[in-house]
PDB file of N, CA and C in Angstrom:
ATOM      1  N   MET A   1     194.409  70.160 129.153  1.00  0.00           N
ATOM      2  CA  MET A   1     195.363  71.875 129.799  1.00  0.00           C
ATOM      3  C   MET A   1     196.434  70.877 131.132  1.00  0.00           C
ATOM      4  N   ALA A   2     196.844  69.629 130.263  1.00  0.00           N
ATOM      5  CA  ALA A   2     198.064  69.097 131.644  1.00  0.00           C
ATOM      6  C   ALA A   2     199.515  69.189 131.982  1.00  0.00           C
ATOM      7  N   THR A   3     198.908  69.285 133.256  1.00  0.00           N
ATOM      8  CA  THR A   3     200.568  69.902 133.967  1.00  0.00           C
ATOM      9  C   THR A   3     200.818  69.084 134.540  1.00  0.00           C
ATOM     10  N   ILE A   4     202.088  69.326 134.906  1.00  0.00           N
ATOM     11  CA  ILE A   4     202.626  67.129 135.698  1.00  0.00           C
ATOM     12  C   ILE A   4     204.179  68.546 137.409  1.00  0.00           C
ATOM     13  N   MET A   5     202.856  68.191 138.819  1.00  0.00           N
ATOM     14  CA  MET A   5     203.418  68.744 139.507  1.00  0.00           C
ATOM     15  C   MET A   5     204.143  67.400 140.824  1.00  0.00           C
ATOM     16  N   LYS A   6     204.698  67.879 141.377  1.00  0.00           N
ATOM     17  CA  LYS A   6     205.248  67.139 142.455  1.00  0.00           C
ATOM     18  C   LYS A   6     204.211  66.387 143.970  1.00  0.00           C
ATOM     19  N   ILE A   7     205.095  64.984 144.448  1.00  0.00           N
ATOM     20  CA  ILE A   7     204.845  65.001 145.104  1.00  0.00           C
ATOM     21  C   ILE A   7     205.247  65.370 146.417  1.00  0.00           C
ATOM     22  N   SER A   8     205.388  66.684 147.606  1.00  0.00           N
ATOM     23  CA  SER A   8     206.494  66.662 148.645  1.00  0.00           C
ATOM     24  C   SER A   8     205.740  65.910 149.526  1.00  0.00           C
ATOM     25  N   PRO A   9     206.874  65.591 150.922  1.00  0.00           N
ATOM     26  CA  PRO A   9     207.454  64.494 151.241  1.00  0.00           C
ATOM     27  C   PRO A   9     205.774  64.310 152.028  1.00  0.00           C
ATOM     28  N   GLN A  10     205.934  65.046 152.816  1.00  0.00           N
ATOM     29  CA  GLN A  10     204.438  65.422 152.750  1.00  0.00           C
ATOM     30  C   GLN A  10     203.001  64.988 152.832  1.00  0.00           C
ATOM     31  N   GLY A  11     202.844  65.186 151.132  1.00  0.00           N
ATOM     32  CA  GLY A  11     201.717  64.288 150.743  1.00  0.00           C
ATOM     33  C   GLY A  11     200.737  65.609 150.152  1.00  0.00           C
ATOM     34  N   GLN A  12     201.971  66.830 150.049  1.00  0.00           N
ATOM     35  CA  GLN A  12     201.077  67.427 149.412  1.00  0.00           C
ATOM     36  C   GLN A  12     201.291  67.849 147.854  1.00  0.00           C
ATOM     37  N   ILE A  13     200.630  69.330 147.331  1.00  0.00           N
ATOM     38  CA  ILE A  13     201.010  68.849 146.148  1.00  0.00           C
ATOM     39  C   ILE A  13     200.153  71.115 145.865  1.00  0.00           C
ATOM     40  N   ARG A  14     201.040  71.754 144.371  1.00  0.00           N
ATOM     41  CA  ARG A  14     200.896  72.633 144.718  1.00  0.00           C
ATOM     42  C   ARG A  14     200.153  73.267 143.214  1.00  0.00           C
ATOM     43  N   ILE A  15     198.885  73.734 143.657  1.00  0.00           N
ATOM     44  CA  ILE A  15     198.096  74.478 141.873  1.00  0.00           C
ATOM     45  C   ILE A  15     198.418  75.598 141.832  1.00  0.00           C
ATOM     46  N   PRO A  16     198.973  75.086 141.056  1.00  0.00           N
ATOM     47  CA  PRO A  16     199.462  75.874 140.216  1.00  0.00           C
ATOM     48  C   PRO A  16     198.357  78.109 140.258  1.00  0.00           C
ATOM     49  N   LYS A  17     199.722  78.698 140.506  1.00  0.00           N
ATOM     50  CA  LYS A  17     198.129  79.946 139.634  1.00  0.00           C
ATOM     51  C   LYS A  17     196.916  80.116 138.567  1.00  0.00           C
ATOM     52  N   LYS A  18     197.964  79.387 138.083  1.00  0.00           N
ATOM     53  CA  LYS A  18     196.934  79.775 136.791  1.00  0.00           C
ATOM     54  C   LYS A  18     196.058  79.383 136.209  1.00  0.00           C
ATOM     55  N   ILE A  19     195.571  78.020 137.687  1.00  0.00           N
ATOM     56  CA  ILE A  19     195.184  76.673 137.117  1.00  0.00           C
ATOM     57  C   ILE A  19     193.971  77.271 138.616  1.00  0.00           C
ATOM     58  N   MET A  20     194.359  78.009 139.625  1.00  0.00           N
ATOM     59  CA  MET A  20     193.472  78.423 140.625  1.00  0.00           C
ATOM     60  C   MET A  20     192.879  79.638 140.073  1.00  0.00           C
ATOM     61  N   ALA A  21     193.431  80.280 139.058  1.00  0.00           N
ATOM     62  CA  ALA A  21     192.400  81.375 138.671  1.00  0.00           C
ATOM     63  C   ALA A  21     191.037  80.838 137.547  1.00  0.00           C
ATOM     64  N   MET A  22     191.926  79.861 136.805  1.00  0.00           N
ATOM     65  CA  MET A  22     191.004  79.425 136.105  1.00  0.00           C
ATOM     66  C   MET A  22     188.886  79.074 136.965  1.00  0.00           C
ATOM     67  N   LEU A  23     189.622  78.149 137.725  1.00  0.00           N
ATOM     68  CA  LEU A  23     188.883  77.705 138.488  1.00  0.00           C
ATOM     69  C   LEU A  23     188.020  78.689 139.608  1.00  0.00           C
ATOM     70  N   GLY A  24     188.379  80.036 140.065  1.00  0.00           N
ATOM     71  CA  GLY A  24     187.954  81.115 140.580  1.00  0.00           C
ATOM     72  C   GLY A  24     188.403  80.764 141.562  1.00  0.00           C
ATOM     73  N   ILE A  25     189.553  79.794 142.395  1.00  0.00           N
ATOM     74  CA  ILE A  25     189.821  79.605 144.001  1.00  0.00           C
ATOM     75  C   ILE A  25     190.827  80.038 144.626  1.00  0.00           C
ATOM     76  N   GLU A  26     190.304  80.320 145.737  1.00  0.00           N
ATOM     77  CA  GLU A  26     192.351  80.932 146.700  1.00  0.00           C
ATOM     78  C   GLU A  26     192.807  79.774 147.282  1.00  0.00           C
ATOM     79  N   LYS A  27     193.823  81.344 147.754  1.00  0.00           N
ATOM     80  CA  LYS A  27     194.988  80.664 149.132  1.00  0.00           C
ATOM     81  C   LYS A  27     193.559  80.396 150.303  1.00  0.00           C
ATOM     82  N   GLY A  28     193.561  78.801 151.253  1.00  0.00           N
ATOM     83  CA  GLY A  28     192.684  78.802 151.924  1.00  0.00           C
ATOM     84  C   GLY A  28     191.120  77.811 152.000  1.00  0.00           C
ATOM     85  N   ASP A  29     190.975  77.943 149.982  1.00  0.00           N
ATOM     86  CA  ASP A  29     190.052  77.481 149.418  1.00  0.00           C
ATOM     87  C   ASP A  29     189.507  75.731 149.916  1.00  0.00           C
ATOM     88  N   TYR A  30     188.784  75.224 149.709  1.00  0.00           N
ATOM     89  CA  TYR A  30     188.240  74.078 150.232  1.00  0.00           C
ATOM     90  C   TYR A  30     188.087  72.754 148.430  1.00  0.00           C
ATOM     91  N   VAL A  31     189.304  72.424 148.735  1.00  0.00           N
ATOM     92  CA  VAL A  31     188.593  70.989 147.463  1.00  0.00           C
ATOM     93  C   VAL A  31     187.922  69.491 147.302  1.00  0.00           C
ATOM     94  N   GLU A  32     188.021  69.209 146.863  1.00  0.00           N
ATOM     95  CA  GLU A  32     186.640  67.929 147.285  1.00  0.00           C
ATOM     96  C   GLU A  32     187.724  66.977 146.721  1.00  0.00           C
ATOM     97  N   VAL A  33     188.071  65.691 147.213  1.00  0.00           N
ATOM     98  CA  VAL A  33     189.085  65.186 146.529  1.00  0.00           C
ATOM     99  C   VAL A  33     188.544  63.988 146.561  1.00  0.00           C
ATOM    100  N   ASP A  34     188.007  63.032 144.923  1.00  0.00           N
ATOM    101  CA  ASP A  34     187.445  61.718 144.718  1.00  0.00           C
ATOM    102  C   ASP A  34     188.933  61.009 144.186  1.00  0.00           C
ATOM    103  N   VAL A  35     188.183  59.836 144.008  1.00  0.00           N
ATOM    104  CA  VAL A  35     189.150  58.891 142.490  1.00  0.00           C
ATOM    105  C   VAL A  35     187.930  58.390 142.034  1.00  0.00           C
ATOM    106  N   GLU A  36     188.144  58.793 140.944  1.00  0.00           N
ATOM    107  CA  GLU A  36     187.398  58.620 139.187  1.00  0.00           C
ATOM    108  C   GLU A  36     187.768  56.775 139.126  1.00  0.00           C
ATOM    109  N   GLU A  37     187.790  56.019 138.239  1.00  0.00           N
ATOM    110  CA  GLU A  37     188.891  55.087 137.723  1.00  0.00           C
ATOM    111  C   GLU A  37     190.362  55.537 137.801  1.00  0.00           C
ATOM    112  N   ARG A  38     191.018  55.119 138.610  1.00  0.00           N
ATOM    113  CA  ARG A  38     192.383  55.470 138.868  1.00  0.00           C
ATOM    114  C   ARG A  38     192.776  56.686 138.823  1.00  0.00           C
ATOM    115  N   ASN A  39     191.848  58.111 138.573  1.00  0.00           N
ATOM    116  CA  ASN A  39     191.953  59.122 138.616  1.00  0.00           C
ATOM    117  C   ASN A  39     192.025  60.151 139.467  1.00  0.00           C
ATOM    118  N   ILE A  40     192.558  60.927 140.006  1.00  0.00           N
ATOM    119  CA  ILE A  40     192.446  61.433 141.447  1.00  0.00           C
ATOM    120  C   ILE A  40     192.042  63.176 140.620  1.00  0.00           C
ATOM    121  N   VAL A  41     190.651  63.636 141.020  1.00  0.00           N
ATOM    122  CA  VAL A  41     189.835  64.374 140.994  1.00  0.00           C
ATOM    123  C   VAL A  41     189.411  64.836 142.144  1.00  0.00           C
ATOM    124  N   LEU A  42     190.294  66.930 141.501  1.00  0.00           N
ATOM    125  CA  LEU A  42     189.781  68.090 142.793  1.00  0.00           C
ATOM    126  C   LEU A  42     188.183  68.384 142.598  1.00  0.00           C
ATOM    127  N   LYS A  43     188.019  69.116 143.458  1.00  0.00           N
ATOM    128  CA  LYS A  43     186.893  70.326 142.555  1.00  0.00           C
ATOM    129  C   LYS A  43     186.815  70.710 143.256  1.00  0.00           C
ATOM    130  N   PRO A  44     185.987  71.713 143.365  1.00  0.00           N
ATOM    131  CA  PRO A  44     186.658  73.324 143.962  1.00  0.00           C
ATOM    132  C   PRO A  44     184.791  72.888 145.128  1.00  0.00           C
ATOM    133  N   ARG A  45     185.065  73.591 146.347  1.00  0.00           N
ATOM    134  CA  ARG A  45     183.964  73.544 147.167  1.00  0.00           C
ATOM    135  C   ARG A  45     183.606  75.066 147.778  1.00  0.00           C
ATOM    136  N   LYS A  46     182.612  75.208 147.933  1.00  0.00           N
ATOM    137  CA  LYS A  46     183.276  76.875 149.234  1.00  0.00           C
ATOM    138  C   LYS A  46     181.962  75.960 150.281  1.00  0.00           C
ATOM    139  N   LEU A  47     182.672  76.454 151.182  1.00  0.00           N
ATOM    140  CA  LEU A  47     181.957  75.847 152.121  1.00  0.00           C
ATOM    141  C   LEU A  47     180.826  77.361 153.200  1.00  0.00           C
ATOM    142  N   ILE A  48     179.775  76.410 154.093  1.00  0.00           N
ATOM    143  CA  ILE A  48     178.867  77.289 154.162  1.00  0.00           C
ATOM    144  C   ILE A  48     178.568  77.533 155.377  1.00  0.00           C
ATOM    145  N   ASP A  49     178.704  78.603 156.474  1.00  0.00           N
ATOM    146  CA  ASP A  49     178.050  79.462 157.053  1.00  0.00           C
ATOM    147  C   ASP A  49     176.578  78.107 158.004  1.00  0.00           C
ATOM    148  N   PRO A  50     176.582  77.344 159.074  1.00  0.00           N
ATOM    149  CA  PRO A  50     175.522  76.730 158.666  1.00  0.00           C
ATOM    150  C   PRO A  50     173.934  77.619 159.676  1.00  0.00           C
ATOM    151  N   SER A  51     174.389  78.965 159.710  1.00  0.00           N
ATOM    152  CA  SER A  51     173.444  79.942 160.091  1.00  0.00           C
ATOM    153  C   SER A  51     173.372  80.909 158.755  1.00  0.00           C
ATOM    154  N   GLN A  52     173.935  80.722 157.876  1.00  0.00           N
ATOM    155  CA  GLN A  52     173.657  81.578 156.795  1.00  0.00           C
ATOM    156  C   GLN A  52     173.075  80.076 155.142  1.00  0.00           C
ATOM    157  N   GLY A  53     172.964  78.971 155.507  1.00  0.00           N
ATOM    158  CA  GLY A  53     172.783  77.746 155.580  1.00  0.00           C
ATOM    159  C   GLY A  53     171.194  78.619 153.843  1.00  0.00           C
ATOM    160  N   TRP A  54     170.268  79.082 154.811  1.00  0.00           N
ATOM    161  CA  TRP A  54     168.954  78.588 154.933  1.00  0.00           C
ATOM    162  C   TRP A  54     168.595  80.150 153.422  1.00  0.00           C
ATOM    163  N   TYR A  55     170.052  81.379 153.189  1.00  0.00           N
ATOM    164  CA  TYR A  55     170.272  81.477 151.561  1.00  0.00           C
ATOM    165  C   TYR A  55     170.410  80.734 150.769  1.00  0.00           C
ATOM    166  N   TRP A  56     171.047  79.412 150.436  1.00  0.00           N
ATOM    167  CA  TRP A  56     171.093  78.390 149.013  1.00  0.00           C
ATOM    168  C   TRP A  56     169.849  77.635 149.444  1.00  0.00           C
ATOM    169  N   THR A  57     169.211  77.917 150.421  1.00  0.00           N
ATOM    170  CA  THR A  57     168.581  76.770 149.459  1.00  0.00           C
ATOM    171  C   THR A  57     167.694  76.934 147.663  1.00  0.00           C
ATOM    172  N   ARG A  58     166.443  75.906 147.527  1.00  0.00           N
ATOM    173  CA  ARG A  58     166.168  76.190 146.267  1.00  0.00           C
ATOM    174  C   ARG A  58     165.180  76.920 146.384  1.00  0.00           C
ATOM    175  N   GLU A  59     164.615  77.147 147.036  1.00  0.00           N
ATOM    176  CA  GLU A  59     162.560  78.167 147.468  1.00  0.00           C
ATOM    177  C   GLU A  59     163.866  79.856 147.740  1.00  0.00           C
ATOM    178  N   TRP A  60     164.724  79.753 148.473  1.00  0.00           N
ATOM    179  CA  TRP A  60     164.898  81.245 148.237  1.00  0.00           C
ATOM    180  C   TRP A  60     165.677  81.842 147.056  1.00  0.00           C
ATOM    181  N   GLN A  61     166.772  81.201 146.413  1.00  0.00           N
ATOM    182  CA  GLN A  61     167.423  81.097 145.146  1.00  0.00           C
ATOM    183  C   GLN A  61     166.415  81.209 144.137  1.00  0.00           C
ATOM    184  N   GLU A  62     165.550  80.605 144.127  1.00  0.00           N
ATOM    185  CA  GLU A  62     164.541  81.615 142.935  1.00  0.00           C
ATOM    186  C   GLU A  62     163.665  82.166 143.357  1.00  0.00           C
ATOM    187  N   MET A  63     163.451  83.231 144.163  1.00  0.00           N
ATOM    188  CA  MET A  63     162.387  83.967 144.463  1.00  0.00           C
ATOM    189  C   MET A  63     164.099  84.810 144.287  1.00  0.00           C
ATOM    190  N   GLU A  64     165.100  84.940 145.045  1.00  0.00           N
ATOM    191  CA  GLU A  64     166.142  86.161 144.404  1.00  0.00           C
ATOM    192  C   GLU A  64     165.741  86.008 143.086  1.00  0.00           C
ATOM    193  N   ALA A  65     166.162  85.149 142.344  1.00  0.00           N
ATOM    194  CA  ALA A  65     165.942  85.342 140.941  1.00  0.00           C
ATOM    195  C   ALA A  65     164.817  86.042 140.391  1.00  0.00           C
ATOM    196  N   ARG A  66     163.694  85.858 141.164  1.00  0.00           N
ATOM    197  CA  ARG A  66     162.267  86.128 141.029  1.00  0.00           C
ATOM    198  C   ARG A  66     162.595  88.430 141.170  1.00  0.00           C
ATOM    199  N   VAL A  67     163.049  88.175 142.476  1.00  0.00           N
ATOM    200  CA  VAL A  67     162.773  89.965 142.102  1.00  0.00           C
ATOM    201  C   VAL A  67     164.010  90.072 141.305  1.00  0.00           C
ATOM    202  N   ASP A  68     165.504  89.758 141.830  1.00  0.00           N
ATOM    203  CA  ASP A  68     166.038  89.887 139.732  1.00  0.00           C
ATOM    204  C   ASP A  68     165.578  90.903 138.231  1.00  0.00           C
ATOM    205  N   GLU A  69     164.636  90.087 139.009  1.00  0.00           N
ATOM    206  CA  GLU A  69     163.868  89.914 137.487  1.00  0.00           C
ATOM    207  C   GLU A  69     163.048  90.852 136.854  1.00  0.00           C
ATOM    208  N   GLU A  70     162.414  91.681 138.418  1.00  0.00           N
ATOM    209  CA  GLU A  70     161.772  92.237 138.592  1.00  0.00           C
ATOM    210  C   GLU A  70     162.192  93.840 138.764  1.00  0.00           C
ATOM    211  N   ILE A  71     163.453  94.310 139.230  1.00  0.00           N
ATOM    212  CA  ILE A  71     164.498  94.921 139.223  1.00  0.00           C
ATOM    213  C   ILE A  71     165.006  94.995 137.865  1.00  0.00           C
ATOM    214  N   GLU A  72     164.949  94.147 137.318  1.00  0.00           N
ATOM    215  CA  GLU A  72     165.607  94.266 135.669  1.00  0.00           C
ATOM    216  C   GLU A  72     164.408  95.076 134.940  1.00  0.00           C
ATOM    217  N   LYS A  73     163.346  94.704 134.739  1.00  0.00           N
ATOM    218  CA  LYS A  73     162.127  95.596 134.941  1.00  0.00           C
ATOM    219  C   LYS A  73     161.912  96.351 134.882  1.00  0.00           C
ATOM    220  N   ASP A  74     161.930  97.085 135.672  1.00  0.00           N
ATOM    221  CA  ASP A  74     161.716  98.677 136.410  1.00  0.00           C
ATOM    222  C   ASP A  74     160.316  98.167 138.005  1.00  0.00           C
ATOM    223  N   GLN A  75     160.730  96.896 137.523  1.00  0.00           N
ATOM    224  CA  GLN A  75     159.081  96.837 138.963  1.00  0.00           C
ATOM    225  C   GLN A  75     158.625  97.420 140.292  1.00  0.00           C
ATOM    226  N   LEU A  76     159.186  98.087 140.452  1.00  0.00           N
ATOM    227  CA  LEU A  76     159.683  98.861 141.704  1.00  0.00           C
ATOM    228  C   LEU A  76     159.006  99.538 142.831  1.00  0.00           C
ATOM    229  N   SER A  77     157.784  99.249 143.866  1.00  0.00           N
ATOM    230  CA  SER A  77     157.757 100.511 144.387  1.00  0.00           C
ATOM    231  C   SER A  77     158.210 101.864 144.871  1.00  0.00           C
ATOM    232  N   SER A  78     157.146 103.191 144.984  1.00  0.00           N
ATOM    233  CA  SER A  78     157.700 104.118 144.750  1.00  0.00           C
ATOM    234  C   SER A  78     157.792 103.343 146.358  1.00  0.00           C
ATOM    235  N   GLU A  79     158.724 105.005 147.204  1.00  0.00           N
ATOM    236  CA  GLU A  79     159.363 105.294 147.897  1.00  0.00           C
ATOM    237  C   GLU A  79     158.245 105.371 149.097  1.00  0.00           C
ATOM    238  N   PHE A  80     157.624 104.459 151.229  1.00  0.00           N
ATOM    239  CA  PHE A  80     156.657 105.303 151.466  1.00  0.00           C
ATOM    240  C   PHE A  80     157.045 105.556 152.731  1.00  0.00           C
ATOM    241  N   GLU A  81     156.429 106.930 152.858  1.00  0.00           N
ATOM    242  CA  GLU A  81     156.429 107.723 154.014  1.00  0.00           C
ATOM    243  C   GLU A  81     155.916 106.582 155.318  1.00  0.00           C
ATOM    244  N   THR A  82     155.303 105.707 155.058  1.00  0.00           N
ATOM    245  CA  THR A  82     155.043 104.793 156.618  1.00  0.00           C
ATOM    246  C   THR A  82     153.622 103.332 156.009  1.00  0.00           C
ATOM    247  N   ALA A  83     154.590 102.705 156.567  1.00  0.00           N
ATOM    248  CA  ALA A  83     153.991 101.444 156.788  1.00  0.00           C
ATOM    249  C   ALA A  83     152.905 100.853 155.923  1.00  0.00           C
ATOM    250  N   GLU A  84     151.793 101.570 155.666  1.00  0.00           N
ATOM    251  CA  GLU A  84     150.324 101.802 156.164  1.00  0.00           C
ATOM    252  C   GLU A  84     150.643 102.280 154.591  1.00  0.00           C
ATOM    253  N   GLN A  85     150.566 103.094 154.080  1.00  0.00           N
ATOM    254  CA  GLN A  85     150.968 103.276 152.340  1.00  0.00           C
ATOM    255  C   GLN A  85     152.155 101.936 151.833  1.00  0.00           C
ATOM    256  N   GLY A  86     152.707 101.499 152.689  1.00  0.00           N
ATOM    257  CA  GLY A  86     153.115  99.863 152.005  1.00  0.00           C
ATOM    258  C   GLY A  86     152.132  98.780 151.222  1.00  0.00           C
ATOM    259  N   LEU A  87     151.438  98.622 152.816  1.00  0.00           N
ATOM    260  CA  LEU A  87     150.466  97.898 152.461  1.00  0.00           C
ATOM    261  C   LEU A  87     149.504  98.300 151.513  1.00  0.00           C
ATOM    262  N   LYS A  88     149.189  99.607 151.343  1.00  0.00           N
ATOM    263  CA  LYS A  88     147.608  99.081 150.129  1.00  0.00           C
ATOM    264  C   LYS A  88     148.781  98.661 148.797  1.00  0.00           C
ATOM    265  N   TRP A  89     149.812  99.061 148.593  1.00  0.00           N
ATOM    266  CA  TRP A  89     150.696  99.419 147.144  1.00  0.00           C
ATOM    267  C   TRP A  89     150.592  97.874 147.659  1.00  0.00           C
ATOM    268  N   LEU A  90     151.067  97.159 148.020  1.00  0.00           N
ATOM    269  CA  LEU A  90     151.387  95.835 148.611  1.00  0.00           C
ATOM    270  C   LEU A  90     149.529  94.766 148.236  1.00  0.00           C
ATOM    271  N   GLN A  91     148.171  95.417 149.312  1.00  0.00           N
ATOM    272  CA  GLN A  91     147.578  94.534 148.733  1.00  0.00           C
ATOM    273  C   GLN A  91     146.808  95.262 146.767  1.00  0.00           C
ATOM    274  N   LYS A  92     146.820  95.964 146.255  1.00  0.00           N
ATOM    275  CA  LYS A  92     146.999  96.520 144.825  1.00  0.00           C
ATOM    276  C   LYS A  92     146.880  94.987 144.271  1.00  0.00           C
TER     277      LYS A  92
END
């Protein structure tokens, strides 16, 4: 899907709404700009707040996937009245 865009006097281009929707990007998002074999390549990028970086580590995402599987298989505990009851359940 080729689209021709005009470069503004400030060196800017406007990405059409249709393309932004296809890529899931919105106003204010970031794109990585690269040159590959004399072609300009734009890649959508999401910036992560450094205080939230732990969530996006491979280890954490693997744990999240395991938990999602457990939820899908209805492998949930019952509700506990005390922390001791919860610990007892975990030790089984």
